[in-house]
């Protein structure tokens, strides 16, 4: 049984097409959208502090980790300003308790209460 030449060419073209489509790299699926965690919503806050005649100062606060940055506006011929890190200063909890009690005038429970001075006894 002899196949006509046209059928052989058609078969060869079909086989070539199948091989070329199976060997081409498949496109990677699109990446999943980034999920936003509830704790990251409103994580960063910008605070504007007015310095009167000198203008305003911008602070960036990370409310999750406590990091802070200060915006430095462009100086002279510089085109862009930048955010610089503000080192975090930490104090022990009793420092803040004492500072708060001094500010409000309430006695600090942890501070020792001085004994009242005894009145001098009258001379006889």
Protein backbone atom coordinates (compact mmCIF):
# COMPACT_ATOMS: atom_id res chain seq x y z
CA UNK A 1 0.00 0.00 0.00
CA UNK A 2 1.47 3.25 -1.16
CA UNK A 3 0.55 6.58 0.40
CA UNK A 4 0.40 9.59 -1.82
CA UNK A 5 3.17 12.13 -1.40
CA UNK A 6 0.75 14.78 -0.12
CA UNK A 7 -0.39 12.55 2.76
CA UNK A 8 3.22 11.91 3.79
CA UNK A 9 4.04 15.63 3.75
CA UNK A 10 0.88 16.39 5.74
CA UNK A 11 1.80 13.74 8.31
CA UNK A 12 5.35 15.07 8.58
CA UNK A 13 4.07 18.65 9.10
CA UNK A 14 1.62 17.44 11.75
CA UNK A 15 4.34 15.51 13.59
CA UNK A 16 6.71 18.52 13.46
CA UNK A 17 3.98 20.77 14.85
CA UNK A 18 3.25 18.40 17.73
CA UNK A 19 6.92 18.05 18.63
CA UNK A 20 7.56 21.80 18.48
CA UNK A 21 4.58 22.65 20.72
CA UNK A 22 5.48 19.99 23.26
CA UNK A 23 9.12 21.16 23.46
CA UNK A 24 8.47 24.88 23.84
CA UNK A 25 8.80 26.15 27.40
CA UNK A 26 5.50 26.78 29.04
CA UNK A 27 4.84 30.19 30.56
CA UNK A 28 5.12 30.16 34.34
CA UNK A 29 1.85 30.74 36.14
CA UNK A 30 1.49 34.28 37.45
CA UNK A 31 2.69 34.73 41.03
CA UNK A 32 0.06 34.68 43.71
CA UNK A 33 -0.88 38.17 44.89
CA UNK A 34 0.88 39.25 48.07
CA UNK A 35 -1.35 38.75 51.04
CA UNK A 36 -1.69 41.62 53.45
CA UNK A 37 -1.55 40.57 57.07
CA UNK A 38 -3.94 42.40 59.40
CA UNK A 39 -1.03 43.49 61.60
CA UNK A 40 0.58 45.27 58.62
CA UNK A 41 -2.42 47.51 57.97
CA UNK A 42 -1.62 51.01 59.29
CA UNK A 43 1.78 49.72 60.40
CA UNK A 44 3.61 52.87 59.34
CA UNK A 45 2.48 56.31 60.49
CA UNK A 46 3.81 59.69 59.43
CA UNK A 47 3.86 62.32 62.17
CA UNK A 48 4.18 66.00 61.28
CA UNK A 49 5.68 68.19 64.00
CA UNK A 50 5.64 71.95 63.50
CA UNK A 51 8.73 73.91 64.48
CA UNK A 52 7.14 77.33 64.05
CA UNK A 53 9.22 79.59 61.81
CA UNK A 54 11.58 76.78 60.85
CA UNK A 55 8.82 74.75 59.17
CA UNK A 56 7.70 71.21 59.83
CA UNK A 57 9.53 68.01 60.62
CA UNK A 58 8.35 64.62 59.37
CA UNK A 59 8.75 61.45 61.41
CA UNK A 60 8.01 57.94 60.14
CA UNK A 61 7.06 55.49 62.89
CA UNK A 62 6.85 51.70 62.55
CA UNK A 63 4.06 50.93 65.00
CA UNK A 64 4.80 47.20 64.94
CA UNK A 65 8.50 47.23 65.83
CA UNK A 66 8.97 50.76 67.21
CA UNK A 67 11.55 51.92 64.66
CA UNK A 68 11.55 55.62 63.78
CA UNK A 69 12.96 57.72 60.95
CA UNK A 70 13.38 61.45 60.44
CA UNK A 71 12.94 63.05 57.02
CA UNK A 72 15.91 65.16 56.00
CA UNK A 73 14.87 67.69 53.31
CA UNK A 74 17.23 68.44 50.40
CA UNK A 75 20.09 70.79 51.28
CA UNK A 76 21.60 73.11 48.68
CA UNK A 77 21.78 71.66 45.18
CA UNK A 78 20.60 68.20 46.29
CA UNK A 79 17.53 67.02 44.44
CA UNK A 80 16.10 64.52 46.89
CA UNK A 81 15.65 64.43 50.62
CA UNK A 82 16.04 61.18 52.56
CA UNK A 83 14.79 59.33 55.65
CA UNK A 84 17.46 58.80 58.31
CA UNK A 85 17.18 56.28 61.09
CA UNK A 86 16.69 57.54 64.63
CA UNK A 87 18.37 55.23 67.14
CA UNK A 88 15.91 53.80 69.61
CA UNK A 89 16.53 54.71 73.23
CA UNK A 90 15.05 52.36 75.76
CA UNK A 91 14.65 52.78 79.48
CA UNK A 92 13.59 50.26 82.10
CA UNK A 93 9.88 50.33 83.03
CA UNK A 94 10.55 51.81 86.49
CA UNK A 95 12.13 54.88 84.85
CA UNK A 96 8.85 55.69 83.10
CA UNK A 97 6.83 54.99 86.24
CA UNK A 98 8.96 57.45 88.21
CA UNK A 99 8.82 60.05 85.44
CA UNK A 100 5.04 59.77 85.25
CA UNK A 101 4.59 60.03 89.02
CA UNK A 102 6.82 63.14 89.14
CA UNK A 103 4.88 64.70 86.29
CA UNK A 104 1.46 64.05 87.82
CA UNK A 105 2.49 64.63 91.42
CA UNK A 106 1.18 61.25 92.57
CA UNK A 107 3.38 59.27 94.92
CA UNK A 108 5.20 56.36 93.38
CA UNK A 109 4.24 53.05 94.98
CA UNK A 110 7.72 51.62 94.41
CA UNK A 111 9.52 54.62 95.90
CA UNK A 112 10.25 54.45 99.60
CA UNK A 113 8.10 56.81 101.65
CA UNK A 114 10.25 58.96 103.96
CA UNK A 115 9.36 58.76 107.63
CA UNK A 116 7.91 61.97 109.03
CA UNK A 117 10.41 64.01 110.94
CA UNK A 118 9.71 63.89 114.66
CA UNK A 119 9.01 67.22 116.25
CA UNK A 120 11.60 68.31 118.79
CA UNK A 121 10.39 67.76 122.31
CA UNK A 122 9.67 70.94 124.22
CA UNK A 123 12.32 71.98 126.69
CA UNK A 124 11.40 71.54 130.31
